[in-house]
Protein backbone atom coordinates (compact mmCIF):
# COMPACT_ATOMS: atom_id res chain seq x y z
CA MET A 1 61.74 -54.44 114.96
CA ARG A 2 61.78 -54.95 111.19
CA ILE A 3 61.17 -58.50 109.98
CA ALA A 4 61.27 -59.79 106.42
CA VAL A 5 59.89 -63.21 105.49
CA LEU A 6 61.19 -64.73 102.27
CA GLY A 7 58.45 -67.08 101.06
CA GLY A 8 54.68 -66.81 101.31
CA GLY A 9 53.81 -70.44 102.01
CA PRO A 10 51.83 -71.51 105.09
CA GLY A 11 54.88 -71.45 107.37
CA GLY A 12 56.05 -68.01 106.28
CA LEU A 13 52.56 -66.52 106.42
CA LEU A 14 51.88 -67.92 109.89
CA ALA A 15 55.21 -66.63 111.18
CA ALA A 16 54.42 -63.17 109.81
CA LEU A 17 50.90 -63.21 111.23
CA LEU A 18 52.00 -64.31 114.70
CA ALA A 19 54.95 -61.90 114.79
CA ARG A 20 52.71 -58.96 113.96
CA ARG A 21 49.98 -60.04 116.34
CA GLY A 22 52.48 -60.63 119.16
CA ASP A 23 53.73 -57.04 118.91
CA PRO A 24 51.90 -54.61 116.58
CA ARG A 25 54.96 -52.34 116.63
CA ARG A 26 56.84 -54.88 114.54
CA GLU A 27 57.14 -54.07 110.85
CA VAL A 28 56.62 -57.38 109.06
CA THR A 29 56.89 -57.86 105.28
CA VAL A 30 56.39 -61.07 103.30
CA PHE A 31 58.05 -61.42 99.91
CA GLU A 32 56.56 -64.14 97.67
CA ARG A 33 57.74 -64.69 94.10
CA ASN A 34 54.39 -66.13 92.91
CA ARG A 35 51.04 -64.41 92.62
CA ALA A 36 48.61 -64.48 95.55
CA GLY A 37 46.39 -67.13 93.96
CA ASP A 38 49.18 -69.40 92.72
CA THR A 39 49.91 -72.70 94.44
CA PHE A 40 51.52 -75.97 93.46
CA GLY A 41 50.22 -79.29 94.77
CA PHE A 42 46.75 -80.03 96.05
CA GLY A 43 46.18 -80.79 99.73
CA VAL A 44 47.94 -80.75 103.09
CA VAL A 45 47.44 -83.26 105.93
CA PHE A 46 47.50 -82.77 109.68
CA SER A 47 47.17 -85.12 112.63
CA ASP A 48 44.73 -84.29 115.41
CA ALA A 49 47.66 -83.66 117.79
CA THR A 50 49.17 -81.16 115.36
CA LEU A 51 45.84 -79.39 114.97
CA ASP A 52 45.61 -78.85 118.71
CA GLY A 53 49.02 -77.18 118.79
CA ILE A 54 48.39 -74.91 115.80
CA ASP A 55 44.90 -74.02 117.01
CA ALA A 56 46.34 -72.80 120.30
CA ALA A 57 48.47 -70.31 118.35
CA ASP A 58 45.83 -69.27 115.81
CA PRO A 59 42.46 -70.79 114.88
CA VAL A 60 42.86 -70.27 111.14
CA LEU A 61 43.62 -73.91 110.35
CA ARG A 62 40.82 -75.31 112.49
CA ARG A 63 38.37 -72.93 110.80
CA ALA A 64 39.56 -74.00 107.35
CA LEU A 65 39.14 -77.66 108.22
CA ALA A 66 35.76 -77.13 109.86
CA THR A 67 34.26 -75.34 106.88
CA ARG A 68 36.09 -76.76 103.88
CA GLY A 69 38.30 -79.64 105.03
CA VAL A 70 37.86 -83.38 105.66
CA HIS A 71 38.53 -85.45 108.79
CA TRP A 72 39.02 -89.23 109.06
CA ASP A 73 40.37 -91.88 111.40
CA PRO A 74 41.26 -95.16 109.64
CA ILE A 75 43.96 -95.59 107.01
CA GLU A 76 43.23 -98.08 104.26
CA VAL A 77 45.54 -100.31 102.19
CA ARG A 78 44.18 -101.75 98.94
CA LEU A 79 45.74 -104.48 96.82
CA ARG A 80 44.61 -107.51 94.83
CA GLY A 81 40.96 -106.83 95.53
CA GLU A 82 41.36 -106.67 99.32
CA ARG A 83 41.06 -103.69 101.66
CA TRP A 84 42.77 -103.61 105.06
CA ARG A 85 41.93 -100.76 107.43
CA PHE A 86 43.93 -99.56 110.41
CA GLY A 87 42.27 -97.10 112.81
CA GLY A 88 43.29 -94.85 115.68
CA ASN A 89 45.03 -92.25 113.56
CA GLY A 90 42.89 -89.09 113.62
CA MET A 91 43.85 -86.99 110.58
CA ALA A 92 42.46 -84.13 108.53
CA ALA A 93 43.23 -82.43 105.23
CA VAL A 94 42.36 -79.25 103.39
CA ALA A 95 43.15 -77.83 99.98
CA ARG A 96 46.44 -75.95 100.03
CA ARG A 97 44.86 -73.09 98.10
CA THR A 98 42.15 -72.73 100.78
CA LEU A 99 44.68 -72.66 103.60
CA LEU A 100 46.86 -70.09 101.83
CA ALA A 101 43.91 -67.80 101.13
CA LEU A 102 42.84 -67.79 104.77
CA LEU A 103 46.38 -67.19 106.03
CA GLN A 104 46.85 -64.34 103.55
CA GLN A 105 43.61 -62.77 104.72
CA ARG A 106 44.47 -63.01 108.42
CA ALA A 107 48.02 -61.76 107.87
CA ALA A 108 46.75 -58.74 105.97
CA GLN A 109 44.21 -58.02 108.70
CA ALA A 110 47.01 -58.13 111.28
CA GLY A 111 48.92 -55.48 109.34
CA VAL A 112 51.49 -57.64 107.53
CA ASP A 113 52.77 -56.13 104.29
CA LEU A 114 52.22 -58.88 101.69
CA ARG A 115 54.21 -58.45 98.49
CA PHE A 116 53.42 -61.01 95.82
CA SER A 117 55.20 -61.43 92.48
CA SER A 118 58.32 -60.23 94.30
CA ALA A 119 61.33 -62.28 93.30
CA VAL A 120 63.76 -60.70 95.75
CA GLN A 121 67.16 -62.21 96.49
CA PRO A 122 68.61 -62.84 99.97
CA ASP A 123 71.18 -60.11 99.49
CA ASP A 124 68.40 -57.61 98.68
CA LEU A 125 66.90 -58.19 102.12
CA LEU A 126 70.24 -57.89 103.87
CA GLU A 127 70.98 -54.59 102.15
CA ALA A 128 67.56 -53.31 103.22
CA GLY A 129 68.72 -53.48 106.83
CA TYR A 130 66.07 -55.74 108.37
CA ASP A 131 66.67 -56.84 111.95
CA LEU A 132 65.51 -60.39 111.15
CA VAL A 133 65.10 -62.23 107.87
CA ILE A 134 63.17 -65.51 107.96
CA GLY A 135 64.01 -67.91 105.15
CA ALA A 136 60.76 -69.76 104.48
CA ASP A 137 61.40 -70.27 100.79
CA GLY A 138 60.98 -74.03 100.54
CA ALA A 139 63.04 -77.08 99.71
CA ASN A 140 64.89 -75.21 96.95
CA SER A 141 65.71 -72.40 99.37
CA GLN A 142 67.78 -69.54 98.01
CA MET A 143 68.47 -68.42 101.56
CA ARG A 144 69.92 -71.79 102.54
CA ALA A 145 72.00 -71.93 99.36
CA ARG A 146 73.28 -68.37 99.79
CA PHE A 147 74.64 -69.08 103.26
CA ALA A 148 75.33 -72.79 102.89
CA GLU A 149 78.62 -72.52 104.75
CA ALA A 150 76.86 -71.09 107.79
CA PHE A 151 73.82 -73.40 107.78
CA GLY A 152 75.66 -76.64 106.92
CA PRO A 153 73.01 -78.29 104.70
CA SER A 154 73.08 -81.90 103.53
CA VAL A 155 70.70 -83.78 101.28
CA VAL A 156 69.87 -87.43 100.55
CA THR A 157 67.92 -88.23 97.39
CA ALA A 158 65.55 -91.21 97.44
CA THR A 159 65.63 -93.77 94.64
CA ALA A 160 61.83 -94.01 94.32
CA LYS A 161 60.06 -91.75 91.82
CA PHE A 162 56.94 -89.79 92.75
CA ILE A 163 54.46 -87.47 91.06
CA TRP A 164 51.63 -85.35 92.50
CA PHE A 165 48.13 -85.22 90.99
CA GLY A 166 44.60 -84.57 92.15
CA THR A 167 41.47 -86.53 91.27
CA THR A 168 37.71 -86.20 91.50
CA TYR A 169 37.51 -89.69 93.01
CA PRO A 170 36.12 -89.36 96.57
CA PHE A 171 38.59 -91.15 98.83
CA GLY A 172 37.08 -91.60 102.30
CA GLY A 173 40.37 -90.99 104.08
CA LEU A 174 44.07 -91.66 103.66
CA THR A 175 44.19 -94.61 101.26
CA PHE A 176 47.13 -96.49 99.78
CA VAL A 177 46.33 -98.21 96.48
CA HIS A 178 48.78 -100.65 94.89
CA GLU A 179 48.49 -101.83 91.30
CA GLN A 180 50.59 -104.17 89.20
CA GLY A 181 50.85 -102.78 85.69
CA PRO A 182 52.49 -104.15 82.55
CA HIS A 183 55.75 -102.41 83.47
CA GLY A 184 55.88 -102.77 87.26
CA VAL A 185 54.13 -101.90 90.50
CA PHE A 186 52.76 -98.41 91.12
CA ALA A 187 51.27 -97.13 94.39
CA VAL A 188 48.99 -94.24 95.30
CA HIS A 189 48.76 -92.07 98.42
CA GLY A 190 45.20 -90.74 98.14
CA TYR A 191 43.20 -88.59 100.53
CA PRO A 192 40.24 -86.18 100.30
CA ILE A 193 40.85 -82.45 100.64
CA GLY A 194 37.29 -81.11 100.24
CA ASN A 195 35.22 -79.62 97.42
CA GLY A 196 35.02 -82.98 95.66
CA VAL A 197 38.79 -83.27 95.12
CA SER A 198 41.35 -85.73 96.47
CA THR A 199 45.13 -85.65 96.43
CA PHE A 200 46.62 -88.46 94.32
CA ILE A 201 50.37 -89.05 94.78
CA VAL A 202 51.93 -91.92 92.84
CA GLU A 203 55.24 -93.66 93.60
CA THR A 204 57.17 -96.34 91.77
CA ASP A 205 60.73 -97.56 91.30
CA GLU A 206 62.98 -96.14 88.61
CA ARG A 207 63.02 -99.32 86.52
CA SER A 208 59.21 -99.45 86.28
CA TRP A 209 59.12 -95.72 85.54
CA ARG A 210 61.56 -96.08 82.64
CA GLU A 211 60.03 -99.25 81.22
CA ALA A 212 56.63 -97.53 81.21
CA GLY A 213 58.14 -94.77 79.07
CA LEU A 214 57.44 -92.07 81.64
CA ASP A 215 60.94 -90.56 81.61
CA ALA A 216 60.61 -88.29 78.56
CA PHE A 217 59.13 -85.19 80.23
CA ASP A 218 61.65 -82.36 80.72
CA VAL A 219 61.50 -81.70 84.46
CA SER A 220 64.09 -78.92 84.16
CA GLN A 221 61.66 -76.55 82.47
CA PRO A 222 60.15 -73.74 84.59
CA PRO A 223 57.18 -74.61 86.86
CA GLY A 224 53.81 -74.76 85.15
CA PRO A 225 53.52 -77.50 82.48
CA SER A 226 52.48 -80.98 83.65
CA ASP A 227 53.42 -84.44 82.40
CA GLN A 228 50.34 -85.37 80.37
CA VAL A 229 51.82 -88.69 79.16
CA THR A 230 52.08 -89.86 82.76
CA GLN A 231 48.61 -88.49 83.50
CA ALA A 232 47.09 -90.64 80.74
CA TYR A 233 49.11 -93.73 81.71
CA LEU A 234 48.09 -93.58 85.37
CA GLU A 235 44.44 -92.79 84.60
CA LYS A 236 44.33 -96.05 82.64
CA LEU A 237 46.30 -98.08 85.19
CA PHE A 238 44.14 -97.05 88.16
CA ALA A 239 40.84 -96.70 86.28
CA THR A 240 39.10 -99.55 88.11
CA GLN A 241 40.42 -98.37 91.48
CA ILE A 242 39.06 -94.83 91.08
CA ASP A 243 35.93 -95.61 89.07
CA GLY A 244 37.33 -94.03 85.90
CA CYS A 245 37.63 -90.59 87.51
CA PRO A 246 40.13 -88.23 85.84
CA LEU A 247 43.44 -87.10 87.29
CA LEU A 248 43.90 -83.36 87.78
CA VAL A 249 47.22 -81.65 87.09
CA ASN A 250 49.02 -78.76 88.76
CA ASN A 251 52.70 -78.62 87.86
CA SER A 252 52.55 -82.42 87.98
CA ARG A 253 55.92 -83.90 87.12
CA TRP A 254 58.09 -86.77 88.36
CA GLY A 255 60.77 -86.26 90.95
CA ASN A 256 62.82 -87.98 93.62
CA PHE A 257 62.16 -86.98 97.21
CA ARG A 258 65.08 -85.17 98.82
CA THR A 259 65.60 -85.20 102.56
CA TRP A 260 67.26 -81.94 103.56
CA ARG A 261 68.93 -81.43 106.92
CA THR A 262 70.77 -78.35 108.17
CA GLN A 263 73.22 -78.33 111.04
CA ARG A 264 72.27 -74.79 112.05
CA TRP A 265 69.06 -72.82 111.51
CA ARG A 266 70.31 -69.33 112.38
CA HIS A 267 73.00 -66.98 111.21
CA ARG A 268 73.97 -63.32 111.33
CA GLU A 269 74.91 -61.53 108.12
CA GLY A 270 74.85 -58.23 106.25
CA PRO A 271 76.69 -54.94 106.75
CA PHE A 272 78.21 -54.96 110.24
CA ASN A 273 76.42 -58.30 110.82
CA ARG A 274 73.33 -56.35 111.66
CA THR A 275 70.76 -58.81 110.23
CA ALA A 276 69.83 -62.09 111.89
CA VAL A 277 68.78 -64.88 109.50
CA ALA A 278 66.66 -67.90 110.48
CA LEU A 279 65.45 -70.84 108.43
CA LEU A 280 61.95 -72.26 108.71
CA GLY A 281 60.10 -75.25 107.21
CA ASP A 282 61.42 -76.98 104.10
CA ALA A 283 64.25 -74.46 103.88
CA ALA A 284 65.66 -76.02 107.06
CA HIS A 285 64.41 -79.61 106.80
CA THR A 286 62.23 -82.01 104.86
CA ALA A 287 60.64 -85.35 105.79
CA HIS A 288 58.96 -87.83 103.47
CA PHE A 289 55.26 -87.16 103.01
CA SER A 290 54.35 -90.71 104.06
CA VAL A 291 54.88 -89.80 107.73
CA GLY A 292 53.67 -86.24 107.81
CA SER A 293 53.26 -82.93 106.12
CA GLY A 294 55.97 -80.42 105.34
CA THR A 295 53.32 -77.76 105.80
CA LYS A 296 52.58 -79.04 109.30
CA MET A 297 56.28 -78.93 110.25
CA ALA A 298 56.68 -75.44 108.81
CA MET A 299 53.71 -74.11 110.76
CA GLU A 300 55.06 -75.67 113.96
CA ASP A 301 58.40 -73.97 113.24
CA ALA A 302 56.61 -70.65 112.83
CA ILE A 303 54.84 -71.02 116.17
CA ALA A 304 58.07 -71.88 117.98
CA LEU A 305 60.07 -69.09 116.34
CA VAL A 306 57.61 -66.34 117.20
CA ALA A 307 57.04 -67.73 120.70
CA ALA A 308 60.80 -67.45 121.24
CA LEU A 309 60.78 -63.85 120.02
CA ASP A 310 57.80 -62.99 122.22
CA GLY A 311 59.36 -64.72 125.19
CA ALA A 312 62.53 -62.68 124.89
CA GLY A 313 60.61 -59.58 125.88
CA THR A 314 61.11 -56.24 124.15
CA VAL A 315 64.25 -57.02 122.20
CA ALA A 316 63.60 -54.14 119.78
CA THR A 317 66.61 -54.22 117.46
CA ASP A 318 69.07 -55.53 120.04
CA PRO A 319 71.15 -58.17 118.22
CA ASP A 320 71.92 -60.12 121.38
CA GLY A 321 68.23 -60.37 122.26
CA ILE A 322 67.27 -61.54 118.79
CA ASP A 323 70.12 -64.07 118.71
CA ALA A 324 69.09 -65.43 122.10
CA ALA A 325 65.51 -65.88 120.91
CA LEU A 326 66.66 -67.67 117.76
CA ALA A 327 68.87 -69.95 119.85
CA VAL A 328 65.80 -70.94 121.88
CA TYR A 329 63.86 -71.60 118.68
CA GLU A 330 66.63 -73.72 117.20
CA ALA A 331 67.15 -75.70 120.40
CA GLU A 332 63.44 -76.48 120.69
CA ARG A 333 62.72 -77.44 117.11
CA HIS A 334 65.97 -78.95 115.86
CA GLY A 335 65.68 -82.06 118.03
CA GLN A 336 61.96 -82.46 117.39
CA VAL A 337 62.45 -82.31 113.63
CA ALA A 338 65.42 -84.69 113.73
CA ARG A 339 63.24 -87.29 115.44
CA ILE A 340 60.59 -86.92 112.74
CA GLN A 341 63.21 -87.25 110.01
CA ASP A 342 64.71 -90.32 111.67
CA ALA A 343 61.24 -91.89 111.85
CA ALA A 344 60.62 -90.95 108.23
CA ARG A 345 63.67 -92.81 106.90
CA PRO A 346 62.26 -96.36 107.42
CA SER A 347 58.99 -95.19 105.88
CA LEU A 348 60.70 -93.66 102.86
CA SER A 349 62.78 -96.81 102.51
CA TRP A 350 59.59 -98.87 102.48
CA TRP A 351 58.47 -96.96 99.39
CA GLU A 352 61.80 -97.63 97.70
CA HIS A 353 61.25 -101.40 98.04
CA PHE A 354 57.46 -101.87 98.13
CA GLY A 355 57.36 -103.70 94.77
CA ARG A 356 59.20 -106.63 96.35
CA SER A 357 56.71 -106.83 99.21
CA TYR A 358 53.77 -106.53 96.82
CA ARG A 359 54.96 -109.44 94.71
CA CYS A 360 55.87 -111.78 97.58
CA LEU A 361 53.53 -111.19 100.53
CA PRO A 362 49.83 -112.03 100.87
CA PRO A 363 47.58 -108.96 101.30
CA TRP A 364 47.15 -109.34 105.08
CA GLN A 365 50.89 -109.54 105.62
CA PHE A 366 51.60 -106.76 103.13
CA ALA A 367 49.26 -104.49 105.11
CA PHE A 368 50.96 -105.33 108.41
CA HIS A 369 54.37 -104.93 106.75
CA PHE A 370 53.31 -101.45 105.68
CA PHE A 371 51.87 -100.28 108.99
CA SER A 372 54.82 -101.69 110.96
CA ARG A 373 57.45 -99.90 108.89
CA SER A 374 58.00 -97.43 111.78
CA LEU A 375 55.90 -98.87 114.63
CA PRO A 376 56.12 -102.22 116.48
CA GLU A 377 53.15 -104.50 117.01
CA SER A 378 52.49 -103.20 120.54
CA LYS A 379 52.04 -99.62 119.28
CA LEU A 380 49.79 -100.80 116.45
CA ARG A 381 47.71 -102.78 118.94
CA GLN A 382 47.24 -99.69 121.10
CA ARG A 383 45.78 -97.84 118.14
CA ASP A 384 43.70 -100.63 116.59
CA ALA A 385 43.61 -103.98 118.40
CA ALA A 386 41.03 -105.36 115.97
CA PHE A 387 43.40 -104.86 113.01
CA VAL A 388 46.26 -106.64 114.81
CA GLU A 389 43.98 -109.50 115.82
CA SER A 390 42.83 -109.92 112.22
CA VAL A 391 46.45 -110.19 111.13
CA HIS A 392 47.11 -112.82 113.81
CA ARG A 393 44.11 -114.81 112.60
CA ALA A 394 45.49 -114.70 109.07
CA TRP A 395 48.87 -115.88 110.38
CA ALA A 396 47.22 -118.77 112.21
CA ALA A 397 45.28 -119.78 109.09
CA ALA A 398 48.52 -119.84 107.10
CA HIS A 399 50.50 -121.74 109.76
CA GLY A 400 48.35 -124.62 110.88
CA GLY A 401 46.55 -122.75 113.64
CA ALA A 402 49.65 -121.39 115.42
CA THR A 403 48.52 -118.23 117.22
CA ASP A 404 51.88 -116.74 118.24
CA PRO A 405 54.38 -116.04 115.44
CA LEU A 406 57.31 -116.50 117.83
CA ARG A 407 56.10 -119.99 118.79
CA THR A 408 55.28 -121.18 115.29
CA PRO A 409 57.35 -124.16 114.07
CA ILE A 410 59.56 -123.77 111.01
CA ASP A 411 61.76 -126.19 109.04
CA VAL A 412 65.45 -125.26 109.19
CA ALA A 413 68.45 -127.30 108.08
CA GLY A 414 66.47 -130.50 107.65
CA GLY A 415 64.82 -130.32 111.07
CA THR A 416 61.89 -128.59 112.71
CA GLN A 417 62.55 -125.62 114.98
CA PRO A 418 59.64 -125.19 117.47
CA GLY A 419 59.98 -121.43 117.81
CA ARG A 420 61.39 -118.39 116.04
CA ILE A 421 63.95 -117.12 118.60
CA VAL A 422 67.41 -118.67 118.28
CA THR A 423 70.62 -118.11 120.26
CA LEU A 424 74.01 -117.71 118.57
CA VAL A 425 76.85 -119.45 120.43
CA ASP A 426 80.46 -119.79 119.24
CA GLY A 427 79.63 -118.85 115.66
CA ALA A 428 76.72 -121.26 115.35
CA ALA A 429 72.92 -121.04 115.58
CA ARG A 430 71.74 -123.24 118.44
CA LEU A 431 68.87 -125.17 116.85
CA THR A 432 66.82 -127.90 118.47
CA ASP A 433 68.55 -130.59 116.39
CA GLY A 434 72.01 -129.24 117.17
CA PRO A 435 74.24 -126.27 116.34
CA LEU A 436 74.23 -124.96 112.78
CA PRO A 437 77.64 -123.45 111.91
CA LEU A 438 77.40 -120.02 110.31
CA ARG A 439 80.25 -120.66 107.90
CA PRO A 440 80.79 -122.86 104.84
CA GLY A 441 81.52 -126.51 105.55
CA PRO A 442 80.32 -130.07 105.05
CA GLY A 443 76.66 -130.81 105.73
CA HIS A 444 74.22 -128.09 106.65
CA TRP A 445 75.62 -124.61 107.19
CA GLY A 446 74.43 -121.03 107.31
CA ALA A 447 75.82 -117.73 106.11
CA ARG A 448 76.67 -114.91 108.51
CA ILE A 449 76.17 -111.61 106.68
CA THR A 450 77.19 -108.23 108.08
CA ALA A 451 74.75 -105.47 107.16
CA PRO A 452 76.26 -102.15 106.05
CA ASP A 453 76.28 -99.05 108.22
CA THR A 454 74.54 -97.07 105.49
CA GLU A 455 72.08 -97.94 102.74
CA THR A 456 74.69 -97.30 100.06
CA GLY A 457 76.23 -100.65 100.93
CA LEU A 458 73.04 -102.69 100.69
CA GLY A 459 73.74 -104.00 97.20
CA GLU A 460 77.06 -105.57 98.16
CA ALA A 461 75.62 -107.21 101.30
CA GLN A 462 72.68 -108.59 99.33
CA GLN A 463 75.02 -110.01 96.69
CA THR A 464 77.09 -111.66 99.41
CA ALA A 465 73.93 -113.33 100.73
CA ALA A 466 72.94 -114.45 97.22
CA ARG A 467 76.37 -116.02 96.61
CA ALA A 468 76.18 -117.88 99.92
CA LEU A 469 72.77 -119.29 99.02
CA ALA A 470 74.04 -120.37 95.63
CA ALA A 471 76.94 -122.12 97.39
CA GLY A 472 74.54 -124.14 99.52
CA ALA A 473 73.78 -122.12 102.67
CA CYS A 474 70.49 -123.20 104.24
CA LEU A 475 70.16 -120.10 106.42
CA VAL A 476 71.10 -116.44 106.11
CA ALA A 477 71.83 -114.72 109.44
CA VAL A 478 72.14 -110.93 109.20
CA GLU A 479 73.89 -108.91 111.90
CA GLY A 480 75.65 -105.57 112.38
CA GLY A 481 74.83 -102.38 110.51
CA THR A 482 71.75 -100.50 111.64
CA ALA A 483 68.29 -101.76 112.53
CA LEU A 484 67.10 -100.63 109.09
CA THR A 485 69.95 -102.07 107.00
CA ARG A 486 69.81 -105.42 108.85
CA ARG A 487 66.12 -105.60 108.14
CA LEU A 488 66.53 -104.75 104.46
CA VAL A 489 69.30 -107.29 103.83
CA CYS A 490 67.32 -109.98 105.65
CA GLU A 491 64.12 -109.15 103.80
CA ALA A 492 65.83 -109.18 100.40
CA ALA A 493 67.29 -112.64 101.01
CA ARG A 494 63.94 -113.98 102.15
CA LEU A 495 61.66 -112.44 99.54
CA GLU A 496 63.93 -112.36 96.49
CA HIS A 497 65.73 -115.71 96.99
CA GLY A 498 63.32 -117.69 99.15
CA ALA A 499 65.93 -118.08 101.91
CA VAL A 500 65.26 -118.98 105.51
CA THR A 501 66.55 -115.92 107.32
CA MET A 502 67.57 -114.85 110.80
CA LEU A 503 67.59 -111.23 111.92
CA VAL A 504 70.27 -110.97 114.60
CA GLU A 505 69.34 -108.37 117.19
CA ASP A 506 71.90 -106.15 118.89
CA GLY A 507 72.08 -106.07 122.66
CA SER A 508 70.37 -108.13 125.31
CA ARG A 509 66.82 -109.40 125.47
CA ASP A 510 65.24 -106.35 127.11
CA SER A 511 61.56 -105.68 127.72
CA THR A 512 60.95 -104.71 124.09
CA PHE A 513 62.80 -107.62 122.50
CA GLU A 514 59.82 -109.92 121.97
CA ASP A 515 57.75 -107.02 120.64
CA ARG A 516 60.40 -106.22 118.02
CA ALA A 517 60.91 -109.90 117.22
CA ARG A 518 57.21 -110.62 116.84
CA THR A 519 56.81 -107.58 114.57
CA ALA A 520 59.69 -108.71 112.35
CA VAL A 521 58.38 -112.26 111.97
CA LEU A 522 54.70 -111.38 111.61
CA SER A 523 55.48 -108.79 108.93
CA GLY A 524 57.44 -111.27 106.81
CA ARG A 525 60.74 -109.44 107.19
CA THR A 526 62.45 -112.50 108.65
CA ASP A 527 61.80 -116.12 109.66
CA LEU A 528 63.91 -116.22 112.82
CA VAL A 529 65.27 -113.69 115.28
CA GLY A 530 68.70 -114.34 116.75
CA THR A 531 70.28 -113.24 120.01
CA ARG A 532 74.00 -113.33 120.66
CA ASN A 533 75.75 -115.35 123.31
CA ASP A 534 79.13 -115.42 121.60
């Protein structure tokens, strides 16, 4: 069986290594356009659970982390002089260059033909008559673009801007640093990768980026040059946070994260359809780096793909056997990746709006708001009960000693509501002092806002809420849409306009209702949580 791998990143190298080791009769060739020692970026992060799975396939990653990587447990959030730590995470990181070097060495030892500085095209590999071509050529995949009709790709581009640096500042673990500058709020994802270096990723909104004058660098030029104006600006902005340590560059330039999805990961092409094509890693999918590592997902893809080939028995060059193995691979990984991408969307969205939370929430609530972007309070408590208890103590101190957010009084429509869960009946919120109509009228009234089904409609819904408040609404109740869009519309009305808000939940009050409601109130996303009875 002849296999070609387009792309010599961690996913492609691991696939080649495992394919060759699984059956030494396989002829496996890796084509990488860059030189063996070239790499862009700094470090890669893995959870302990991921490490166990990769280690079972090959110990190369565990060895790299043991000798030259860094392990940690708590994640830290820093802002306004405070540090909030959340444990129970179990993560590790290593320099990307280190990982690549070890994978290259093991692949070569296994008999893989490694061809660097080889800028081959997809059609070149098809004409060469390989039985299987693995497209592991990254987020800008030529393979995916060449057969876009077959793979069905789609992409969503985030509004937040990000740039990737390194630094000599010794972060102790994954650390999120937020700083208000003269032009807006900037935030850092920092983590150690060994050898005295840490990764230093910065995000901000487009307005702050432009007002800071960081939009002049030509990002369309070939890889290599870095944005030195941004480097100097961020070194100054974060100087006190990183003890004046310098930022290190490596093709460091601003971009917008793109979430790629593909409907199908496999295809058959070439003369007489003799070559099977499979996508792997960023060529097939991407997920925002705040919830995981693209490298981790690519290596998991590689393990699943080769396991499917090995499990199919001696398929040799039999097209049906290869196709059956690729179908197993796609069925196993497609759903797993989709769940990661779905979980990543609320996290990515958090980074698109974090400036609002920074300006309006106290540090303790900002930290809980951050950690609860994808997890409810109950899950956070399982990981680090002490952190959740500290947040509850801060809530109590800010609310007259009330220990349960859902049973904390709040003033609404001229009266005091003893708790935060409210029922909607016949178009009105049933408050203790009587029903509050959710429509304009004489006396007190609230606005009933329908959240959009997609984030593209957020602006219109938020403007509708703002107009209602200007017209005299004393409450904004947000319903419909998705869980994420409801939350964002509600949060915008509360934080940007100072409104009393109600997040109207879909469905009945099931066993998880109070958990979701408590998370929403405690995090500052809403004041009240509504349930329907109309």
